[in-house]
């Protein structure tokens, strides 16, 4: 779910496809960094989600 992904501290995007066509690191970094990677399908969709939610990123630590 992209709403959950946009709030992650760090992403590792594997692909570009599934099965034999996947398993390669396409992009790593913050959601904003992955969104800038043109070869990342996740980044392409994430870019639109981030544009709608600028400044709303909050991290919560439970049980610390």
PDB file of N, CA and C in Angstrom:
ATOM      1  N   UNK A   1       0.843  -1.171   0.000  1.00  0.00           N
ATOM      2  CA  UNK A   1       0.000   0.000   0.000  1.00  0.00           C
ATOM      3  C   UNK A   1       0.889   1.236   0.000  1.00  0.00           C
ATOM      4  N   UNK A   2       0.655   2.163  -0.927  1.00  0.00           N
ATOM      5  CA  UNK A   2       1.534   3.314  -1.087  1.00  0.00           C
ATOM      6  C   UNK A   2       1.505   4.274   0.097  1.00  0.00           C
ATOM      7  N   UNK A   3       0.384   4.369   0.808  1.00  0.00           N
ATOM      8  CA  UNK A   3       0.344   5.242   1.985  1.00  0.00           C
ATOM      9  C   UNK A   3       1.307   4.743   3.057  1.00  0.00           C
ATOM     10  N   UNK A   4       1.442   3.447   3.192  1.00  0.00           N
ATOM     11  CA  UNK A   4       2.375   2.878   4.158  1.00  0.00           C
ATOM     12  C   UNK A   4       3.819   3.067   3.671  1.00  0.00           C
ATOM     13  N   UNK A   5       4.051   2.857   2.390  1.00  0.00           N
ATOM     14  CA  UNK A   5       5.393   2.995   1.825  1.00  0.00           C
ATOM     15  C   UNK A   5       5.890   4.434   1.941  1.00  0.00           C
ATOM     16  N   UNK A   6       5.029   5.409   1.726  1.00  0.00           N
ATOM     17  CA  UNK A   6       5.457   6.815   1.760  1.00  0.00           C
ATOM     18  C   UNK A   6       5.934   7.247   3.144  1.00  0.00           C
ATOM     19  N   UNK A   7       5.546   6.506   4.183  1.00  0.00           N
ATOM     20  CA  UNK A   7       5.957   6.835   5.548  1.00  0.00           C
ATOM     21  C   UNK A   7       7.155   6.033   6.031  1.00  0.00           C
ATOM     22  N   UNK A   8       7.713   5.195   5.181  1.00  0.00           N
ATOM     23  CA  UNK A   8       8.865   4.375   5.564  1.00  0.00           C
ATOM     24  C   UNK A   8      10.110   5.246   5.732  1.00  0.00           C
ATOM     25  N   UNK A   9      11.011   4.803   6.587  1.00  0.00           N
ATOM     26  CA  UNK A   9      12.285   5.497   6.753  1.00  0.00           C
ATOM     27  C   UNK A   9      13.243   5.167   5.618  1.00  0.00           C
ATOM     28  N   UNK A  10      13.171   3.931   5.112  1.00  0.00           N
ATOM     29  CA  UNK A  10      14.104   3.483   4.080  1.00  0.00           C
ATOM     30  C   UNK A  10      13.430   2.409   3.240  1.00  0.00           C
ATOM     31  N   UNK A  11      13.621   2.471   1.933  1.00  0.00           N
ATOM     32  CA  UNK A  11      13.032   1.497   1.013  1.00  0.00           C
ATOM     33  C   UNK A  11      14.111   0.778   0.220  1.00  0.00           C
ATOM     34  N   UNK A  12      13.843  -0.475  -0.109  1.00  0.00           N
ATOM     35  CA  UNK A  12      14.652  -1.241  -1.056  1.00  0.00           C
ATOM     36  C   UNK A  12      13.668  -1.761  -2.092  1.00  0.00           C
ATOM     37  N   UNK A  13      13.761  -1.248  -3.306  1.00  0.00           N
ATOM     38  CA  UNK A  13      12.843  -1.617  -4.382  1.00  0.00           C
ATOM     39  C   UNK A  13      13.513  -2.674  -5.253  1.00  0.00           C
ATOM     40  N   UNK A  14      12.917  -3.856  -5.301  1.00  0.00           N
ATOM     41  CA  UNK A  14      13.436  -4.960  -6.106  1.00  0.00           C
ATOM     42  C   UNK A  14      12.590  -5.112  -7.361  1.00  0.00           C
ATOM     43  N   UNK A  15      13.209  -5.558  -8.426  1.00  0.00           N
ATOM     44  CA  UNK A  15      12.442  -5.748  -9.668  1.00  0.00           C
ATOM     45  C   UNK A  15      13.374  -6.068 -10.808  1.00  0.00           C
ATOM     46  N   UNK A  16      13.057  -5.739 -12.018  1.00  0.00           N
ATOM     47  CA  UNK A  16      11.901  -4.927 -12.373  1.00  0.00           C
ATOM     48  C   UNK A  16      10.599  -5.724 -12.467  1.00  0.00           C
ATOM     49  N   UNK A  17      10.667  -7.023 -12.546  1.00  0.00           N
ATOM     50  CA  UNK A  17       9.462  -7.846 -12.660  1.00  0.00           C
ATOM     51  C   UNK A  17       9.426  -8.883 -11.557  1.00  0.00           C
ATOM     52  N   UNK A  18       8.600  -9.887 -11.774  1.00  0.00           N
ATOM     53  CA  UNK A  18       8.472 -10.973 -10.797  1.00  0.00           C
ATOM     54  C   UNK A  18       9.196 -12.218 -11.299  1.00  0.00           C
ATOM     55  N   UNK A  19       9.480 -13.137 -10.395  1.00  0.00           N
ATOM     56  CA  UNK A  19      10.107 -14.402 -10.781  1.00  0.00           C
ATOM     57  C   UNK A  19      11.468 -14.202 -11.407  1.00  0.00           C
ATOM     58  N   UNK A  20      11.689 -14.818 -12.559  1.00  0.00           N
ATOM     59  CA  UNK A  20      12.980 -14.733 -13.245  1.00  0.00           C
ATOM     60  C   UNK A  20      13.301 -13.324 -13.736  1.00  0.00           C
ATOM     61  N   UNK A  21      12.309 -12.480 -13.825  1.00  0.00           N
ATOM     62  CA  UNK A  21      12.522 -11.108 -14.311  1.00  0.00           C
ATOM     63  C   UNK A  21      12.755 -10.124 -13.171  1.00  0.00           C
ATOM     64  N   UNK A  22      12.890 -10.627 -11.961  1.00  0.00           N
ATOM     65  CA  UNK A  22      13.052  -9.748 -10.801  1.00  0.00           C
ATOM     66  C   UNK A  22      14.270 -10.106  -9.988  1.00  0.00           C
ATOM     67  N   UNK A  23      14.309  -9.558  -8.787  1.00  0.00           N
ATOM     68  CA  UNK A  23      15.390  -9.867  -7.869  1.00  0.00           C
ATOM     69  C   UNK A  23      16.567  -8.924  -7.931  1.00  0.00           C
ATOM     70  N   UNK A  24      16.466  -7.875  -8.717  1.00  0.00           N
ATOM     71  CA  UNK A  24      17.544  -6.897  -8.827  1.00  0.00           C
ATOM     72  C   UNK A  24      17.174  -5.655  -8.027  1.00  0.00           C
ATOM     73  N   UNK A  25      18.164  -5.038  -7.395  1.00  0.00           N
ATOM     74  CA  UNK A  25      17.915  -3.799  -6.667  1.00  0.00           C
ATOM     75  C   UNK A  25      17.744  -2.682  -7.694  1.00  0.00           C
ATOM     76  N   UNK A  26      16.559  -2.098  -7.704  1.00  0.00           N
ATOM     77  CA  UNK A  26      16.244  -1.019  -8.637  1.00  0.00           C
ATOM     78  C   UNK A  26      16.528   0.335  -8.003  1.00  0.00           C
ATOM     79  N   UNK A  27      16.157   0.490  -6.735  1.00  0.00           N
ATOM     80  CA  UNK A  27      16.354   1.763  -6.044  1.00  0.00           C
ATOM     81  C   UNK A  27      16.395   1.521  -4.542  1.00  0.00           C
ATOM     82  N   UNK A  28      17.132   2.370  -3.842  1.00  0.00           N
ATOM     83  CA  UNK A  28      17.169   2.337  -2.378  1.00  0.00           C
ATOM     84  C   UNK A  28      17.160   3.768  -1.872  1.00  0.00           C
ATOM     85  N   UNK A  29      16.681   3.934  -0.658  1.00  0.00           N
ATOM     86  CA  UNK A  29      16.702   5.258  -0.041  1.00  0.00           C
ATOM     87  C   UNK A  29      15.378   5.617   0.584  1.00  0.00           C
ATOM     88  N   UNK A  30      15.237   6.883   0.883  1.00  0.00           N
ATOM     89  CA  UNK A  30      13.983   7.379   1.439  1.00  0.00           C
ATOM     90  C   UNK A  30      12.911   7.311   0.355  1.00  0.00           C
ATOM     91  N   UNK A  31      11.646   7.404   0.733  1.00  0.00           N
ATOM     92  CA  UNK A  31      10.595   7.425  -0.287  1.00  0.00           C
ATOM     93  C   UNK A  31      10.818   8.532  -1.328  1.00  0.00           C
ATOM     94  N   UNK A  32      11.292   9.676  -0.882  1.00  0.00           N
ATOM     95  CA  UNK A  32      11.547  10.782  -1.806  1.00  0.00           C
ATOM     96  C   UNK A  32      12.659  10.437  -2.794  1.00  0.00           C
ATOM     97  N   UNK A  33      13.688   9.737  -2.331  1.00  0.00           N
ATOM     98  CA  UNK A  33      14.794   9.339  -3.211  1.00  0.00           C
ATOM     99  C   UNK A  33      14.344   8.279  -4.212  1.00  0.00           C
ATOM    100  N   UNK A  34      13.572   7.304  -3.759  1.00  0.00           N
ATOM    101  CA  UNK A  34      13.078   6.253  -4.656  1.00  0.00           C
ATOM    102  C   UNK A  34      12.145   6.855  -5.699  1.00  0.00           C
ATOM    103  N   UNK A  35      11.364   7.855  -5.318  1.00  0.00           N
ATOM    104  CA  UNK A  35      10.438   8.501  -6.251  1.00  0.00           C
ATOM    105  C   UNK A  35      11.178   9.197  -7.394  1.00  0.00           C
ATOM    106  N   UNK A  36      12.435   9.536  -7.198  1.00  0.00           N
ATOM    107  CA  UNK A  36      13.223  10.196  -8.243  1.00  0.00           C
ATOM    108  C   UNK A  36      13.873   9.212  -9.211  1.00  0.00           C
ATOM    109  N   UNK A  37      13.805   7.925  -8.920  1.00  0.00           N
ATOM    110  CA  UNK A  37      14.421   6.892  -9.764  1.00  0.00           C
ATOM    111  C   UNK A  37      13.444   6.501 -10.872  1.00  0.00           C
ATOM    112  N   UNK A  38      13.743   6.923 -12.097  1.00  0.00           N
ATOM    113  CA  UNK A  38      12.843   6.684 -13.232  1.00  0.00           C
ATOM    114  C   UNK A  38      12.629   5.211 -13.547  1.00  0.00           C
ATOM    115  N   UNK A  39      13.592   4.354 -13.232  1.00  0.00           N
ATOM    116  CA  UNK A  39      13.453   2.932 -13.559  1.00  0.00           C
ATOM    117  C   UNK A  39      12.644   2.160 -12.517  1.00  0.00           C
ATOM    118  N   UNK A  40      12.219   2.829 -11.457  1.00  0.00           N
ATOM    119  CA  UNK A  40      11.451   2.188 -10.387  1.00  0.00           C
ATOM    120  C   UNK A  40       9.958   2.379 -10.615  1.00  0.00           C
ATOM    121  N   UNK A  41       9.234   1.269 -10.828  1.00  0.00           N
ATOM    122  CA  UNK A  41       7.778   1.358 -10.953  1.00  0.00           C
ATOM    123  C   UNK A  41       7.172   1.865  -9.645  1.00  0.00           C
ATOM    124  N   UNK A  42       7.708   1.397  -8.526  1.00  0.00           N
ATOM    125  CA  UNK A  42       7.240   1.869  -7.223  1.00  0.00           C
ATOM    126  C   UNK A  42       7.448   3.372  -7.113  1.00  0.00           C
ATOM    127  N   UNK A  43       8.621   3.838  -7.517  1.00  0.00           N
ATOM    128  CA  UNK A  43       8.926   5.262  -7.465  1.00  0.00           C
ATOM    129  C   UNK A  43       8.001   6.103  -8.314  1.00  0.00           C
ATOM    130  N   UNK A  44       7.620   5.585  -9.481  1.00  0.00           N
ATOM    131  CA  UNK A  44       6.715   6.329 -10.362  1.00  0.00           C
ATOM    132  C   UNK A  44       5.366   6.563  -9.690  1.00  0.00           C
ATOM    133  N   UNK A  45       4.824   5.543  -9.052  1.00  0.00           N
ATOM    134  CA  UNK A  45       3.540   5.684  -8.357  1.00  0.00           C
ATOM    135  C   UNK A  45       3.694   6.484  -7.067  1.00  0.00           C
ATOM    136  N   UNK A  46       4.808   6.294  -6.394  1.00  0.00           N
ATOM    137  CA  UNK A  46       5.067   6.984  -5.140  1.00  0.00           C
ATOM    138  C   UNK A  46       5.188   8.492  -5.354  1.00  0.00           C
ATOM    139  N   UNK A  47       5.719   8.891  -6.482  1.00  0.00           N
ATOM    140  CA  UNK A  47       5.884  10.310  -6.790  1.00  0.00           C
ATOM    141  C   UNK A  47       4.548  11.047  -6.699  1.00  0.00           C
ATOM    142  N   UNK A  48       3.487  10.452  -7.231  1.00  0.00           N
ATOM    143  CA  UNK A  48       2.168  11.067  -7.171  1.00  0.00           C
ATOM    144  C   UNK A  48       1.618  11.136  -5.760  1.00  0.00           C
ATOM    145  N   UNK A  49       1.847  10.088  -4.981  1.00  0.00           N
ATOM    146  CA  UNK A  49       1.371  10.055  -3.594  1.00  0.00           C
ATOM    147  C   UNK A  49       2.106  11.102  -2.762  1.00  0.00           C
ATOM    148  N   UNK A  50       3.413  11.227  -2.959  1.00  0.00           N
ATOM    149  CA  UNK A  50       4.194  12.194  -2.190  1.00  0.00           C
ATOM    150  C   UNK A  50       3.805  13.626  -2.542  1.00  0.00           C
ATOM    151  N   UNK A  51       3.477  13.881  -3.796  1.00  0.00           N
ATOM    152  CA  UNK A  51       3.085  15.225  -4.218  1.00  0.00           C
ATOM    153  C   UNK A  51       1.816  15.677  -3.500  1.00  0.00           C
ATOM    154  N   UNK A  52       0.946  14.734  -3.160  1.00  0.00           N
ATOM    155  CA  UNK A  52      -0.312  15.056  -2.481  1.00  0.00           C
ATOM    156  C   UNK A  52      -0.129  15.226  -0.978  1.00  0.00           C
ATOM    157  N   UNK A  53       0.963  14.698  -0.415  1.00  0.00           N
ATOM    158  CA  UNK A  53       1.137  14.659   1.037  1.00  0.00           C
ATOM    159  C   UNK A  53       2.425  15.342   1.491  1.00  0.00           C
ATOM    160  N   UNK A  54       2.816  16.413   0.872  1.00  0.00           N
ATOM    161  CA  UNK A  54       4.051  17.102   1.241  1.00  0.00           C
ATOM    162  C   UNK A  54       3.928  17.636   2.667  1.00  0.00           C
ATOM    163  N   UNK A  55       4.901  17.310   3.488  1.00  0.00           N
ATOM    164  CA  UNK A  55       4.946  17.818   4.848  1.00  0.00           C
ATOM    165  C   UNK A  55       4.147  17.028   5.873  1.00  0.00           C
ATOM    166  N   UNK A  56       3.530  15.940   5.502  1.00  0.00           N
ATOM    167  CA  UNK A  56       2.715  15.171   6.440  1.00  0.00           C
ATOM    168  C   UNK A  56       3.413  13.920   6.946  1.00  0.00           C
ATOM    169  N   UNK A  57       4.703  13.804   6.803  1.00  0.00           N
ATOM    170  CA  UNK A  57       5.422  12.590   7.178  1.00  0.00           C
ATOM    171  C   UNK A  57       5.727  12.595   8.668  1.00  0.00           C
ATOM    172  N   UNK A  58       5.235  11.597   9.365  1.00  0.00           N
ATOM    173  CA  UNK A  58       5.439  11.484  10.804  1.00  0.00           C
ATOM    174  C   UNK A  58       5.863  10.059  11.124  1.00  0.00           C
ATOM    175  N   UNK A  59       6.897   9.914  11.927  1.00  0.00           N
ATOM    176  CA  UNK A  59       7.326   8.594  12.384  1.00  0.00           C
ATOM    177  C   UNK A  59       6.996   8.462  13.862  1.00  0.00           C
ATOM    178  N   UNK A  60       6.468   7.326  14.244  1.00  0.00           N
ATOM    179  CA  UNK A  60       6.128   7.066  15.635  1.00  0.00           C
ATOM    180  C   UNK A  60       6.871   5.829  16.100  1.00  0.00           C
ATOM    181  N   UNK A  61       7.532   5.930  17.245  1.00  0.00           N
ATOM    182  CA  UNK A  61       8.231   4.790  17.826  1.00  0.00           C
ATOM    183  C   UNK A  61       7.374   4.279  18.975  1.00  0.00           C
ATOM    184  N   UNK A  62       6.957   3.035  18.877  1.00  0.00           N
ATOM    185  CA  UNK A  62       6.113   2.430  19.897  1.00  0.00           C
ATOM    186  C   UNK A  62       6.969   1.529  20.778  1.00  0.00           C
ATOM    187  N   UNK A  63       6.843   1.681  22.081  1.00  0.00           N
ATOM    188  CA  UNK A  63       7.547   0.801  23.008  1.00  0.00           C
ATOM    189  C   UNK A  63       9.002   1.143  23.227  1.00  0.00           C
ATOM    190  N   UNK A  64       9.401   2.351  22.918  1.00  0.00           N
ATOM    191  CA  UNK A  64      10.806   2.739  23.100  1.00  0.00           C
ATOM    192  C   UNK A  64      11.067   3.184  24.510  1.00  0.00           C
TER     193      UNK A  64
END
